[in-house]
Protein backbone atom coordinates (compact mmCIF):
# COMPACT_ATOMS: atom_id res chain seq x y z
CA UNK A 1 10.56 -15.17 -11.96
CA UNK A 2 8.46 -12.18 -10.95
CA UNK A 3 7.94 -11.30 -14.64
CA UNK A 4 6.50 -14.66 -15.68
CA UNK A 5 2.87 -14.91 -16.65
CA UNK A 6 0.34 -16.45 -14.35
CA UNK A 7 -1.28 -18.65 -16.95
CA UNK A 8 0.48 -21.81 -15.77
CA UNK A 9 -0.79 -21.42 -12.22
CA UNK A 10 -4.47 -21.34 -13.10
CA UNK A 11 -6.99 -18.57 -13.35
CA UNK A 12 -7.07 -17.45 -9.73
CA UNK A 13 -4.39 -14.70 -10.02
CA UNK A 14 -6.23 -13.23 -13.01
CA UNK A 15 -9.58 -13.43 -11.23
CA UNK A 16 -8.15 -11.74 -8.15
CA UNK A 17 -6.58 -9.04 -10.33
CA UNK A 18 -9.88 -8.18 -12.01
CA UNK A 19 -11.74 -8.38 -8.73
CA UNK A 20 -9.21 -5.87 -7.40
CA UNK A 21 -9.69 -3.56 -10.40
CA UNK A 22 -13.45 -3.74 -10.00
CA UNK A 23 -13.31 -3.12 -6.27
CA UNK A 24 -11.05 -0.08 -6.67
CA UNK A 25 -13.26 1.31 -9.44
CA UNK A 26 -16.32 0.92 -7.22
CA UNK A 27 -14.40 2.58 -4.39
CA UNK A 28 -13.92 5.61 -6.64
CA UNK A 29 -17.34 5.80 -8.33
CA UNK A 30 -19.47 3.96 -5.79
CA UNK A 31 -21.34 5.44 -2.79
CA UNK A 32 -19.47 6.37 0.39
CA UNK A 33 -22.19 8.34 2.14
CA UNK A 34 -25.48 6.70 1.15
CA UNK A 35 -28.80 8.50 0.97
CA UNK A 36 -32.32 7.53 -0.16
CA UNK A 37 -32.06 10.30 -2.76
CA UNK A 38 -29.43 10.07 -5.47
CA UNK A 39 -28.68 13.80 -5.25
CA UNK A 40 -27.58 13.49 -1.62
CA UNK A 41 -25.47 10.36 -2.11
CA UNK A 42 -21.75 11.08 -1.99
CA UNK A 43 -19.47 8.99 -4.20
CA UNK A 44 -15.79 8.35 -3.67
CA UNK A 45 -14.90 11.07 -6.19
CA UNK A 46 -17.00 13.56 -4.21
CA UNK A 47 -15.36 13.09 -0.83
CA UNK A 48 -12.37 15.44 -1.15
CA UNK A 49 -14.70 18.32 -1.97
CA UNK A 50 -17.56 17.32 0.33
CA UNK A 51 -15.54 17.29 3.54
CA UNK A 52 -14.66 20.98 3.05
CA UNK A 53 -18.28 21.94 3.62
CA UNK A 54 -18.89 19.97 6.82
CA UNK A 55 -19.80 22.37 9.66
CA UNK A 56 -17.06 21.28 12.06
CA UNK A 57 -14.45 21.38 9.30
CA UNK A 58 -15.48 24.89 8.22
CA UNK A 59 -15.47 26.13 11.81
CA UNK A 60 -12.01 24.69 12.42
CA UNK A 61 -13.16 22.25 15.10
CA UNK A 62 -11.92 19.37 12.96
CA UNK A 63 -8.70 19.51 10.97
CA UNK A 64 -8.98 17.37 7.87
CA UNK A 65 -6.40 16.63 5.19
CA UNK A 66 -8.92 16.50 2.37
CA UNK A 67 -6.28 15.39 -0.15
CA UNK A 68 -6.26 12.01 1.60
CA UNK A 69 -9.62 11.31 -0.05
CA UNK A 70 -7.91 11.58 -3.45
CA UNK A 71 -5.74 8.56 -2.69
CA UNK A 72 -8.29 5.91 -3.83
CA UNK A 73 -8.39 7.53 -7.28
CA UNK A 74 -4.61 7.58 -7.39
CA UNK A 75 -4.47 3.94 -6.30
CA UNK A 76 -6.84 2.88 -9.08
CA UNK A 77 -4.92 4.85 -11.71
CA UNK A 78 -1.56 3.47 -10.53
CA UNK A 79 -2.86 -0.11 -10.49
CA UNK A 80 -4.36 0.04 -13.98
CA UNK A 81 -1.29 1.77 -15.44
CA UNK A 82 1.21 -0.61 -13.88
CA UNK A 83 -0.72 -3.83 -14.52
CA UNK A 84 -1.68 -2.89 -18.09
CA UNK A 85 1.75 -3.35 -19.62
CA UNK A 86 3.31 -5.92 -17.28
CA UNK A 87 4.37 -8.99 -19.25
CA UNK A 88 3.21 -11.23 -16.44
CA UNK A 89 -0.46 -10.67 -17.34
CA UNK A 90 -0.14 -11.30 -21.09
CA UNK A 91 -3.05 -8.97 -21.84
CA UNK A 92 -3.81 -8.32 -25.54
CA UNK A 93 -2.66 -4.94 -26.83
CA UNK A 94 -6.19 -3.54 -27.16
CA UNK A 95 -6.86 -4.33 -23.50
CA UNK A 96 -3.55 -2.79 -22.41
CA UNK A 97 -4.44 0.43 -24.26
CA UNK A 98 -7.95 0.41 -22.79
CA UNK A 99 -6.58 -0.01 -19.26
CA UNK A 100 -4.09 2.80 -19.81
CA UNK A 101 -6.87 5.08 -21.07
CA UNK A 102 -8.92 4.19 -17.99
CA UNK A 103 -5.92 5.14 -15.85
CA UNK A 104 -5.68 8.52 -17.61
CA UNK A 105 -9.42 9.16 -17.16
CA UNK A 106 -9.10 8.27 -13.48
CA UNK A 107 -6.17 10.67 -13.14
CA UNK A 108 -8.21 13.45 -14.75
CA UNK A 109 -11.06 12.75 -12.32
CA UNK A 110 -8.78 14.22 -9.64
CA UNK A 111 -9.46 17.67 -11.09
CA UNK A 112 -11.82 19.70 -8.87
CA UNK A 113 -15.28 20.37 -10.42
CA UNK A 114 -14.81 24.14 -11.03
CA UNK A 115 -11.17 24.09 -12.09
CA UNK A 116 -8.97 26.42 -14.10
CA UNK A 117 -5.19 26.74 -14.58
CA UNK A 118 -5.20 29.75 -12.25
CA UNK A 119 -6.99 27.76 -9.54
CA UNK A 120 -4.52 24.89 -9.74
CA UNK A 121 -1.61 27.33 -9.36
CA UNK A 122 -3.08 28.86 -6.19
CA UNK A 123 -1.06 28.13 -3.01
CA UNK A 124 -3.89 26.23 -1.30
CA UNK A 125 -4.15 23.89 -4.29
CA UNK A 126 -0.47 23.06 -4.66
CA UNK A 127 -0.70 19.63 -3.01
CA UNK A 128 -3.80 18.75 -5.02
CA UNK A 129 -2.13 19.88 -8.24
CA UNK A 130 1.02 17.89 -7.45
CA UNK A 131 -1.04 14.74 -6.88
CA UNK A 132 -2.79 15.24 -10.22
CA UNK A 133 0.55 15.69 -11.99
CA UNK A 134 2.07 12.57 -10.41
CA UNK A 135 -0.96 10.42 -11.20
CA UNK A 136 -1.23 11.66 -14.77
CA UNK A 137 2.48 11.05 -15.37
CA UNK A 138 2.23 7.47 -14.10
CA UNK A 139 -0.80 6.86 -16.33
CA UNK A 140 0.64 8.46 -19.48
CA UNK A 141 3.99 6.67 -19.22
CA UNK A 142 2.44 3.31 -18.32
CA UNK A 143 4.44 1.25 -20.89
CA UNK A 144 7.68 2.22 -19.14
CA UNK A 145 6.69 0.32 -16.00
CA UNK A 146 6.83 -2.99 -17.92
CA UNK A 147 10.64 -2.75 -17.74
CA UNK A 148 10.68 -2.66 -13.94
CA UNK A 149 10.81 -5.88 -11.87
CA UNK A 150 7.34 -7.05 -10.86
CA UNK A 151 8.32 -7.40 -7.21
CA UNK A 152 9.32 -3.70 -7.08
CA UNK A 153 6.08 -2.56 -8.64
CA UNK A 154 3.78 -4.90 -6.72
CA UNK A 155 5.65 -4.08 -3.52
CA UNK A 156 5.23 -0.35 -4.13
CA UNK A 157 1.53 -0.79 -4.93
CA UNK A 158 1.08 -2.86 -1.79
CA UNK A 159 2.71 -0.20 0.40
CA UNK A 160 0.68 2.58 -1.24
CA UNK A 161 -2.51 0.54 -0.87
CA UNK A 162 -1.84 -0.01 2.83
CA UNK A 163 -1.15 3.70 3.37
CA UNK A 164 -4.28 4.61 1.42
CA UNK A 165 -6.51 2.32 3.45
CA UNK A 166 -5.01 3.49 6.74
CA UNK A 167 -5.09 7.24 6.03
CA UNK A 168 -8.52 7.24 4.42
CA UNK A 169 -9.95 5.15 7.24
CA UNK A 170 -8.55 7.50 9.88
CA UNK A 171 -9.86 10.65 8.15
CA UNK A 172 -13.25 9.08 7.47
CA UNK A 173 -13.71 8.08 11.11
CA UNK A 174 -12.91 11.63 12.12
CA UNK A 175 -15.52 13.29 9.89
CA UNK A 176 -18.23 10.62 10.01
CA UNK A 177 -20.03 12.08 13.06
CA UNK A 178 -20.28 15.37 11.16
CA UNK A 179 -21.91 13.60 8.20
CA UNK A 180 -24.43 12.05 10.61
CA UNK A 181 -25.19 15.51 11.95
CA UNK A 182 -25.66 16.97 8.46
CA UNK A 183 -27.89 14.11 7.26
CA UNK A 184 -29.90 14.07 10.53
CA UNK A 185 -29.96 10.28 10.69
CA UNK A 186 -27.76 7.32 11.43
CA UNK A 187 -25.43 6.41 8.58
CA UNK A 188 -23.65 3.25 7.57
CA UNK A 189 -20.59 3.31 5.35
CA UNK A 190 -21.51 3.02 1.69
CA UNK A 191 -20.39 0.16 -0.52
CA UNK A 192 -17.51 2.21 -1.90
CA UNK A 193 -15.82 2.24 1.50
CA UNK A 194 -15.93 -1.55 1.79
CA UNK A 195 -14.83 -1.89 -1.84
CA UNK A 196 -11.71 0.12 -1.03
CA UNK A 197 -10.88 -2.37 1.70
CA UNK A 198 -11.31 -5.23 -0.76
CA UNK A 199 -9.10 -3.55 -3.35
CA UNK A 200 -6.40 -2.82 -0.78
CA UNK A 201 -6.49 -6.46 0.32
CA UNK A 202 -6.06 -7.65 -3.26
CA UNK A 203 -3.00 -5.45 -3.84
CA UNK A 204 -1.47 -6.51 -0.53
CA UNK A 205 -1.95 -10.14 -1.52
CA UNK A 206 -0.18 -9.60 -4.84
CA UNK A 207 2.65 -7.77 -3.08
CA UNK A 208 3.19 -10.59 -0.58
CA UNK A 209 3.07 -13.32 -3.23
CA UNK A 210 5.36 -11.50 -5.69
CA UNK A 211 7.97 -10.53 -3.11
CA UNK A 212 8.18 -14.14 -1.93
CA UNK A 213 8.64 -15.56 -5.44
């Protein structure tokens, strides 16, 4: 039953799915630390690198697991790759391929700006490199996930989404005062932060509905 399409139930599952994709995409490429100038605005894809340069992080006063800020990109790539080829969505082949390509591009966006094979093999980059490899593998082998039960996949996405939202939220709260200090003004969370919450909610909703089918 978990593999059946949603067409007979109306458009709301499809609308929620695409709202979730859009929210997660905005969480990755939308603003997290807003600024009146575009050059000083930090996007979701910037966060893992940006936190390294915060004064309290560099001095060791704050211990940050910067790889946590890569999780939204992984979540978007996983969601696109898994949903693309699921029979339940009945997407046309061209759209499935496009979604898989988007998942691959998202996986490649995990690469640090000045990267090289030697850099990725360095001990301090092992976790980052492993996350890139896992995400790229999930994206490249997307058609294989169509054979897995929908409740397994949606359940796994729901758990990963919950962990992503929790871990990212905790790390962001820890470094936010440092961002305020660097920008010399009060800061509100950018739209990308709220979009992540919306995307996480959408995946949790699908997980709950699918598991109970």
